[in-house]
PDB file of N, CA and C in Angstrom:
ATOM      1  N   MET A   1      -6.793   9.657 -13.116  1.00  0.00           N
ATOM      2  CA  MET A   1      -6.176   8.419 -12.624  1.00  0.00           C
ATOM      3  C   MET A   1      -6.107   7.416 -13.778  1.00  0.00           C
ATOM      4  N   ASN A   2      -4.950   6.851 -13.952  1.00  0.00           N
ATOM      5  CA  ASN A   2      -4.738   5.808 -14.948  1.00  0.00           C
ATOM      6  C   ASN A   2      -5.632   4.615 -14.609  1.00  0.00           C
ATOM      7  N   LYS A   3      -6.338   4.068 -15.611  1.00  0.00           N
ATOM      8  CA  LYS A   3      -7.254   2.950 -15.348  1.00  0.00           C
ATOM      9  C   LYS A   3      -6.551   1.713 -14.807  1.00  0.00           C
ATOM     10  N   ASN A   4      -5.352   1.415 -15.278  1.00  0.00           N
ATOM     11  CA  ASN A   4      -4.614   0.243 -14.833  1.00  0.00           C
ATOM     12  C   ASN A   4      -3.170   0.604 -14.500  1.00  0.00           C
ATOM     13  N   PRO A   5      -2.973   1.418 -13.470  1.00  0.00           N
ATOM     14  CA  PRO A   5      -1.599   1.801 -13.139  1.00  0.00           C
ATOM     15  C   PRO A   5      -0.830   0.622 -12.566  1.00  0.00           C
ATOM     16  N   GLU A   6       0.480   0.672 -12.733  1.00  0.00           N
ATOM     17  CA  GLU A   6       1.328  -0.346 -12.110  1.00  0.00           C
ATOM     18  C   GLU A   6       1.380  -0.053 -10.619  1.00  0.00           C
ATOM     19  N   LEU A   7       1.084  -1.058  -9.817  1.00  0.00           N
ATOM     20  CA  LEU A   7       1.096  -0.907  -8.370  1.00  0.00           C
ATOM     21  C   LEU A   7       2.320  -1.591  -7.788  1.00  0.00           C
ATOM     22  N   ILE A   8       2.869  -0.977  -6.735  1.00  0.00           N
ATOM     23  CA  ILE A   8       4.030  -1.548  -6.066  1.00  0.00           C
ATOM     24  C   ILE A   8       3.741  -1.672  -4.570  1.00  0.00           C
ATOM     25  N   PRO A   9       4.310  -2.690  -3.911  1.00  0.00           N
ATOM     26  CA  PRO A   9       4.096  -2.851  -2.472  1.00  0.00           C
ATOM     27  C   PRO A   9       4.869  -1.786  -1.699  1.00  0.00           C
ATOM     28  N   VAL A  10       4.197  -1.200  -0.698  1.00  0.00           N
ATOM     29  CA  VAL A  10       4.847  -0.134   0.064  1.00  0.00           C
ATOM     30  C   VAL A  10       4.748  -0.301   1.580  1.00  0.00           C
ATOM     31  N   LEU A  11       3.868  -1.190   2.047  1.00  0.00           N
ATOM     32  CA  LEU A  11       3.630  -1.282   3.482  1.00  0.00           C
ATOM     33  C   LEU A  11       3.114  -2.666   3.834  1.00  0.00           C
ATOM     34  N   GLN A  12       3.567  -3.196   4.956  1.00  0.00           N
ATOM     35  CA  GLN A  12       3.097  -4.482   5.481  1.00  0.00           C
ATOM     36  C   GLN A  12       2.488  -4.225   6.855  1.00  0.00           C
ATOM     37  N   MET A  13       1.234  -4.629   7.040  1.00  0.00           N
ATOM     38  CA  MET A  13       0.533  -4.415   8.312  1.00  0.00           C
ATOM     39  C   MET A  13      -0.433  -5.560   8.579  1.00  0.00           C
ATOM     40  N   ASP A  14      -0.821  -5.697   9.850  1.00  0.00           N
ATOM     41  CA  ASP A  14      -1.837  -6.676  10.235  1.00  0.00           C
ATOM     42  C   ASP A  14      -3.233  -6.075  10.285  1.00  0.00           C
ATOM     43  N   ASP A  15      -3.335  -4.763  10.381  1.00  0.00           N
ATOM     44  CA  ASP A  15      -4.617  -4.093  10.587  1.00  0.00           C
ATOM     45  C   ASP A  15      -5.343  -3.859   9.264  1.00  0.00           C
ATOM     46  N   LEU A  16      -6.181  -4.821   8.893  1.00  0.00           N
ATOM     47  CA  LEU A  16      -6.909  -4.736   7.625  1.00  0.00           C
ATOM     48  C   LEU A  16      -7.839  -3.531   7.598  1.00  0.00           C
ATOM     49  N   ASP A  17      -8.502  -3.229   8.696  1.00  0.00           N
ATOM     50  CA  ASP A  17      -9.415  -2.081   8.723  1.00  0.00           C
ATOM     51  C   ASP A  17      -8.663  -0.782   8.441  1.00  0.00           C
ATOM     52  N   ALA A  18      -7.490  -0.604   9.039  1.00  0.00           N
ATOM     53  CA  ALA A  18      -6.699   0.606   8.818  1.00  0.00           C
ATOM     54  C   ALA A  18      -6.246   0.701   7.359  1.00  0.00           C
ATOM     55  N   LEU A  19      -5.832  -0.419   6.799  1.00  0.00           N
ATOM     56  CA  LEU A  19      -5.391  -0.417   5.402  1.00  0.00           C
ATOM     57  C   LEU A  19      -6.549  -0.126   4.453  1.00  0.00           C
ATOM     58  N   ASN A  20      -7.698  -0.727   4.695  1.00  0.00           N
ATOM     59  CA  ASN A  20      -8.861  -0.464   3.837  1.00  0.00           C
ATOM     60  C   ASN A  20      -9.322   0.979   3.956  1.00  0.00           C
ATOM     61  N   SER A  21      -9.232   1.544   5.152  1.00  0.00           N
ATOM     62  CA  SER A  21      -9.586   2.943   5.355  1.00  0.00           C
ATOM     63  C   SER A  21      -8.603   3.862   4.610  1.00  0.00           C
ATOM     64  N   ALA A  22      -7.314   3.542   4.687  1.00  0.00           N
ATOM     65  CA  ALA A  22      -6.304   4.320   3.965  1.00  0.00           C
ATOM     66  C   ALA A  22      -6.513   4.190   2.456  1.00  0.00           C
ATOM     67  N   LYS A  23      -6.839   3.007   2.001  1.00  0.00           N
ATOM     68  CA  LYS A  23      -7.104   2.765   0.573  1.00  0.00           C
ATOM     69  C   LYS A  23      -8.253   3.645   0.105  1.00  0.00           C
ATOM     70  N   LYS A  24      -9.329   3.666   0.872  1.00  0.00           N
ATOM     71  CA  LYS A  24     -10.492   4.481   0.520  1.00  0.00           C
ATOM     72  C   LYS A  24     -10.114   5.958   0.465  1.00  0.00           C
ATOM     73  N   HIS A  25      -9.355   6.418   1.448  1.00  0.00           N
ATOM     74  CA  HIS A  25      -8.915   7.811   1.485  1.00  0.00           C
ATOM     75  C   HIS A  25      -8.088   8.164   0.249  1.00  0.00           C
ATOM     76  N   LEU A  26      -7.145   7.321  -0.094  1.00  0.00           N
ATOM     77  CA  LEU A  26      -6.306   7.581  -1.266  1.00  0.00           C
ATOM     78  C   LEU A  26      -7.134   7.575  -2.547  1.00  0.00           C
ATOM     79  N   GLU A  27      -8.024   6.602  -2.676  1.00  0.00           N
ATOM     80  CA  GLU A  27      -8.857   6.526  -3.877  1.00  0.00           C
ATOM     81  C   GLU A  27      -9.774   7.743  -4.011  1.00  0.00           C
ATOM     82  N   GLU A  28     -10.278   8.244  -2.891  1.00  0.00           N
ATOM     83  CA  GLU A  28     -11.116   9.445  -2.917  1.00  0.00           C
ATOM     84  C   GLU A  28     -10.323  10.670  -3.360  1.00  0.00           C
ATOM     85  N   ASN A  29      -9.003  10.584  -3.249  1.00  0.00           N
ATOM     86  CA  ASN A  29      -8.132  11.684  -3.651  1.00  0.00           C
ATOM     87  C   ASN A  29      -7.413  11.406  -4.972  1.00  0.00           C
ATOM     88  N   GLY A  30      -7.918  10.440  -5.735  1.00  0.00           N
ATOM     89  CA  GLY A  30      -7.428  10.211  -7.087  1.00  0.00           C
ATOM     90  C   GLY A  30      -6.283   9.242  -7.255  1.00  0.00           C
ATOM     91  N   PHE A  31      -5.934   8.508  -6.211  1.00  0.00           N
ATOM     92  CA  PHE A  31      -4.840   7.543  -6.305  1.00  0.00           C
ATOM     93  C   PHE A  31      -5.387   6.127  -6.392  1.00  0.00           C
ATOM     94  N   ALA A  32      -4.647   5.275  -7.076  1.00  0.00           N
ATOM     95  CA  ALA A  32      -4.963   3.846  -7.079  1.00  0.00           C
ATOM     96  C   ALA A  32      -4.230   3.219  -5.902  1.00  0.00           C
ATOM     97  N   ALA A  33      -4.921   2.320  -5.208  1.00  0.00           N
ATOM     98  CA  ALA A  33      -4.317   1.606  -4.085  1.00  0.00           C
ATOM     99  C   ALA A  33      -4.960   0.229  -4.015  1.00  0.00           C
ATOM    100  N   GLU A  34      -4.273  -0.690  -3.376  1.00  0.00           N
ATOM    101  CA  GLU A  34      -4.788  -2.052  -3.256  1.00  0.00           C
ATOM    102  C   GLU A  34      -4.248  -2.682  -1.978  1.00  0.00           C
ATOM    103  N   VAL A  35      -5.049  -3.574  -1.402  1.00  0.00           N
ATOM    104  CA  VAL A  35      -4.641  -4.334  -0.224  1.00  0.00           C
ATOM    105  C   VAL A  35      -4.716  -5.805  -0.604  1.00  0.00           C
ATOM    106  N   ARG A  36      -3.643  -6.536  -0.321  1.00  0.00           N
ATOM    107  CA  ARG A  36      -3.619  -7.980  -0.615  1.00  0.00           C
ATOM    108  C   ARG A  36      -3.110  -8.738   0.601  1.00  0.00           C
ATOM    109  N   LEU A  37      -3.583  -9.964   0.746  1.00  0.00           N
ATOM    110  CA  LEU A  37      -3.059 -10.849   1.787  1.00  0.00           C
ATOM    111  C   LEU A  37      -1.597 -11.159   1.494  1.00  0.00           C
ATOM    112  N   PHE A  38      -0.754 -11.084   2.510  1.00  0.00           N
ATOM    113  CA  PHE A  38       0.651 -11.420   2.312  1.00  0.00           C
ATOM    114  C   PHE A  38       0.791 -12.829   1.749  1.00  0.00           C
ATOM    115  N   SER A  39      -0.017 -13.770   2.242  1.00  0.00           N
ATOM    116  CA  SER A  39       0.095 -15.168   1.826  1.00  0.00           C
ATOM    117  C   SER A  39      -0.196 -15.365   0.344  1.00  0.00           C
ATOM    118  N   GLU A  40      -0.842 -14.373  -0.306  1.00  0.00           N
ATOM    119  CA  GLU A  40      -1.133 -14.477  -1.738  1.00  0.00           C
ATOM    120  C   GLU A  40      -0.019 -13.893  -2.600  1.00  0.00           C
ATOM    121  N   LEU A  41       0.974 -13.281  -1.971  1.00  0.00           N
ATOM    122  CA  LEU A  41       2.078 -12.673  -2.700  1.00  0.00           C
ATOM    123  C   LEU A  41       3.134 -13.729  -3.003  1.00  0.00           C
ATOM    124  N   PRO A  42       3.389 -14.000  -4.282  1.00  0.00           N
ATOM    125  CA  PRO A  42       4.420 -14.993  -4.615  1.00  0.00           C
ATOM    126  C   PRO A  42       5.778 -14.578  -4.044  1.00  0.00           C
ATOM    127  N   SER A  43       6.556 -15.536  -3.578  1.00  0.00           N
ATOM    128  CA  SER A  43       7.852 -15.219  -2.976  1.00  0.00           C
ATOM    129  C   SER A  43       8.754 -14.455  -3.940  1.00  0.00           C
ATOM    130  N   SER A  44       8.553 -14.644  -5.233  1.00  0.00           N
ATOM    131  CA  SER A  44       9.355 -13.919  -6.222  1.00  0.00           C
ATOM    132  C   SER A  44       9.053 -12.420  -6.199  1.00  0.00           C
ATOM    133  N   GLU A  45       7.938 -12.021  -5.570  1.00  0.00           N
ATOM    134  CA  GLU A  45       7.556 -10.616  -5.508  1.00  0.00           C
ATOM    135  C   GLU A  45       7.780 -10.005  -4.123  1.00  0.00           C
ATOM    136  N   HIS A  46       8.511 -10.704  -3.246  1.00  0.00           N
ATOM    137  CA  HIS A  46       8.781 -10.177  -1.905  1.00  0.00           C
ATOM    138  C   HIS A  46       9.900  -9.151  -1.956  1.00  0.00           C
ATOM    139  N   PRO A  47       9.597  -7.881  -1.698  1.00  0.00           N
ATOM    140  CA  PRO A  47      10.684  -6.905  -1.584  1.00  0.00           C
ATOM    141  C   PRO A  47      11.540  -7.266  -0.368  1.00  0.00           C
ATOM    142  N   ASP A  48      12.758  -6.767  -0.319  1.00  0.00           N
ATOM    143  CA  ASP A  48      13.658  -7.137   0.775  1.00  0.00           C
ATOM    144  C   ASP A  48      13.209  -6.610   2.135  1.00  0.00           C
ATOM    145  N   TRP A  49      12.313  -5.642   2.181  1.00  0.00           N
ATOM    146  CA  TRP A  49      11.856  -5.085   3.452  1.00  0.00           C
ATOM    147  C   TRP A  49      10.698  -5.870   4.067  1.00  0.00           C
ATOM    148  N   ILE A  50      10.076  -6.768   3.315  1.00  0.00           N
ATOM    149  CA  ILE A  50       8.964  -7.566   3.838  1.00  0.00           C
ATOM    150  C   ILE A  50       9.503  -8.632   4.786  1.00  0.00           C
ATOM    151  N   ILE A  51       8.807  -8.813   5.902  1.00  0.00           N
ATOM    152  CA  ILE A  51       9.172  -9.826   6.887  1.00  0.00           C
ATOM    153  C   ILE A  51       8.138 -10.949   6.805  1.00  0.00           C
ATOM    154  N   PRO A  52       8.478 -12.062   6.144  1.00  0.00           N
ATOM    155  CA  PRO A  52       7.504 -13.145   5.947  1.00  0.00           C
ATOM    156  C   PRO A  52       6.850 -13.628   7.239  1.00  0.00           C
ATOM    157  N   ALA A  53       7.590 -13.658   8.330  1.00  0.00           N
ATOM    158  CA  ALA A  53       7.027 -14.137   9.598  1.00  0.00           C
ATOM    159  C   ALA A  53       5.920 -13.229  10.122  1.00  0.00           C
ATOM    160  N   ASN A  54       5.896 -11.974   9.670  1.00  0.00           N
ATOM    161  CA  ASN A  54       4.864 -11.040  10.116  1.00  0.00           C
ATOM    162  C   ASN A  54       3.530 -11.257   9.400  1.00  0.00           C
ATOM    163  N   GLY A  55       3.565 -11.876   8.214  1.00  0.00           N
ATOM    164  CA  GLY A  55       2.324 -12.140   7.480  1.00  0.00           C
ATOM    165  C   GLY A  55       1.518 -10.876   7.266  1.00  0.00           C
ATOM    166  N   GLY A  56       0.224 -10.948   7.583  1.00  0.00           N
ATOM    167  CA  GLY A  56      -0.636  -9.782   7.470  1.00  0.00           C
ATOM    168  C   GLY A  56      -1.016  -9.438   6.054  1.00  0.00           C
ATOM    169  N   TYR A  57      -1.010  -8.155   5.773  1.00  0.00           N
ATOM    170  CA  TYR A  57      -1.457  -7.634   4.488  1.00  0.00           C
ATOM    171  C   TYR A  57      -0.387  -6.721   3.902  1.00  0.00           C
ATOM    172  N   ILE A  58      -0.415  -6.614   2.592  1.00  0.00           N
ATOM    173  CA  ILE A  58       0.506  -5.737   1.883  1.00  0.00           C
ATOM    174  C   ILE A  58      -0.322  -4.650   1.202  1.00  0.00           C
ATOM    175  N   PHE A  59       0.127  -3.417   1.361  1.00  0.00           N
ATOM    176  CA  PHE A  59      -0.543  -2.255   0.781  1.00  0.00           C
ATOM    177  C   PHE A  59       0.237  -1.818  -0.443  1.00  0.00           C
ATOM    178  N   TYR A  60      -0.479  -1.581  -1.536  1.00  0.00           N
ATOM    179  CA  TYR A  60       0.133  -1.202  -2.813  1.00  0.00           C
ATOM    180  C   TYR A  60      -0.303   0.199  -3.223  1.00  0.00           C
ATOM    181  N   LEU A  61       0.627   0.927  -3.835  1.00  0.00           N
ATOM    182  CA  LEU A  61       0.351   2.249  -4.385  1.00  0.00           C
ATOM    183  C   LEU A  61       0.830   2.315  -5.825  1.00  0.00           C
ATOM    184  N   GLU A  62       0.385   3.354  -6.510  1.00  0.00           N
ATOM    185  CA  GLU A  62       0.795   3.577  -7.898  1.00  0.00           C
ATOM    186  C   GLU A  62       2.291   3.860  -7.985  1.00  0.00           C
ATOM    187  N   LYS A  63       2.953   3.130  -8.830  1.00  0.00           N
ATOM    188  CA  LYS A  63       4.402   3.317  -9.010  1.00  0.00           C
ATOM    189  C   LYS A  63       4.710   4.717  -9.538  1.00  0.00           C
ATOM    190  N   ASP A  64       3.964   5.180 -10.532  1.00  0.00           N
ATOM    191  CA  ASP A  64       4.254   6.466 -11.169  1.00  0.00           C
ATOM    192  C   ASP A  64       3.933   7.666 -10.282  1.00  0.00           C
ATOM    193  N   ARG A  65       3.145   7.446  -9.236  1.00  0.00           N
ATOM    194  CA  ARG A  65       2.782   8.545  -8.333  1.00  0.00           C
ATOM    195  C   ARG A  65       3.204   8.212  -6.899  1.00  0.00           C
ATOM    196  N   TYR A  66       4.249   7.417  -6.797  1.00  0.00           N
ATOM    197  CA  TYR A  66       4.698   6.887  -5.517  1.00  0.00           C
ATOM    198  C   TYR A  66       4.930   7.970  -4.460  1.00  0.00           C
ATOM    199  N   ARG A  67       5.745   8.950  -4.786  1.00  0.00           N
ATOM    200  CA  ARG A  67       6.125   9.969  -3.791  1.00  0.00           C
ATOM    201  C   ARG A  67       4.893  10.721  -3.283  1.00  0.00           C
ATOM    202  N   GLU A  68       4.070  11.181  -4.184  1.00  0.00           N
ATOM    203  CA  GLU A  68       2.864  11.925  -3.815  1.00  0.00           C
ATOM    204  C   GLU A  68       1.900  11.049  -2.992  1.00  0.00           C
ATOM    205  N   ALA A  69       1.731   9.808  -3.415  1.00  0.00           N
ATOM    206  CA  ALA A  69       0.842   8.896  -2.697  1.00  0.00           C
ATOM    207  C   ALA A  69       1.388   8.559  -1.308  1.00  0.00           C
ATOM    208  N   MET A  70       2.707   8.375  -1.199  1.00  0.00           N
ATOM    209  CA  MET A  70       3.308   8.076   0.105  1.00  0.00           C
ATOM    210  C   MET A  70       3.174   9.263   1.058  1.00  0.00           C
ATOM    211  N   GLU A  71       3.299  10.477   0.529  1.00  0.00           N
ATOM    212  CA  GLU A  71       3.102  11.656   1.368  1.00  0.00           C
ATOM    213  C   GLU A  71       1.680  11.685   1.917  1.00  0.00           C
ATOM    214  N   MET A  72       0.699  11.402   1.064  1.00  0.00           N
ATOM    215  CA  MET A  72      -0.683  11.391   1.506  1.00  0.00           C
ATOM    216  C   MET A  72      -0.919  10.257   2.505  1.00  0.00           C
ATOM    217  N   LEU A  73      -0.326   9.108   2.254  1.00  0.00           N
ATOM    218  CA  LEU A  73      -0.464   7.970   3.164  1.00  0.00           C
ATOM    219  C   LEU A  73       0.157   8.301   4.518  1.00  0.00           C
ATOM    220  N   GLY A  74       1.325   8.901   4.511  1.00  0.00           N
ATOM    221  CA  GLY A  74       1.980   9.287   5.754  1.00  0.00           C
ATOM    222  C   GLY A  74       1.157  10.285   6.541  1.00  0.00           C
ATOM    223  N   THR A  75       0.603  11.275   5.857  1.00  0.00           N
ATOM    224  CA  THR A  75      -0.255  12.257   6.512  1.00  0.00           C
ATOM    225  C   THR A  75      -1.494  11.575   7.079  1.00  0.00           C
ATOM    226  N   TYR A  76      -2.062  10.661   6.323  1.00  0.00           N
ATOM    227  CA  TYR A  76      -3.252   9.943   6.770  1.00  0.00           C
ATOM    228  C   TYR A  76      -2.986   9.184   8.070  1.00  0.00           C
ATOM    229  N   PHE A  77      -1.833   8.531   8.154  1.00  0.00           N
ATOM    230  CA  PHE A  77      -1.492   7.772   9.344  1.00  0.00           C
ATOM    231  C   PHE A  77      -0.866   8.633  10.446  1.00  0.00           C
ATOM    232  N   GLY A  78      -0.742   9.942  10.202  1.00  0.00           N
ATOM    233  CA  GLY A  78      -0.270  10.853  11.245  1.00  0.00           C
ATOM    234  C   GLY A  78       1.236  11.044  11.309  1.00  0.00           C
ATOM    235  N   TYR A  79       1.935  10.669  10.247  1.00  0.00           N
ATOM    236  CA  TYR A  79       3.383  10.878  10.207  1.00  0.00           C
ATOM    237  C   TYR A  79       3.676  12.159   9.452  1.00  0.00           C
ATOM    238  N   SER A  80       4.659  12.900   9.906  1.00  0.00           N
ATOM    239  CA  SER A  80       5.099  14.093   9.189  1.00  0.00           C
ATOM    240  C   SER A  80       6.580  14.285   9.443  1.00  0.00           C
ATOM    241  N   GLU A  81       7.199  15.051   8.558  1.00  0.00           N
ATOM    242  CA  GLU A  81       8.637  15.303   8.681  1.00  0.00           C
ATOM    243  C   GLU A  81       8.903  16.449   9.606  1.00  0.00           C
TER     244      GLU A  81
END
């Protein structure tokens, strides 16, 4: 795992416990992840899919390992194709 990988926002949720649990799961499997309060995200960093009125938390994953990390995140939350 890269010590300081570039992280990108991938998910907005209100459930901090679920996000922290997912973060721990990803980190145990070699991925970098981070959870931040939506209110701490500068408006210049709001992707077009974020809904400001929803607030909550933003989940970040490694940009360079995005696809692999998203697959693991989806499996963790019970989504599959």
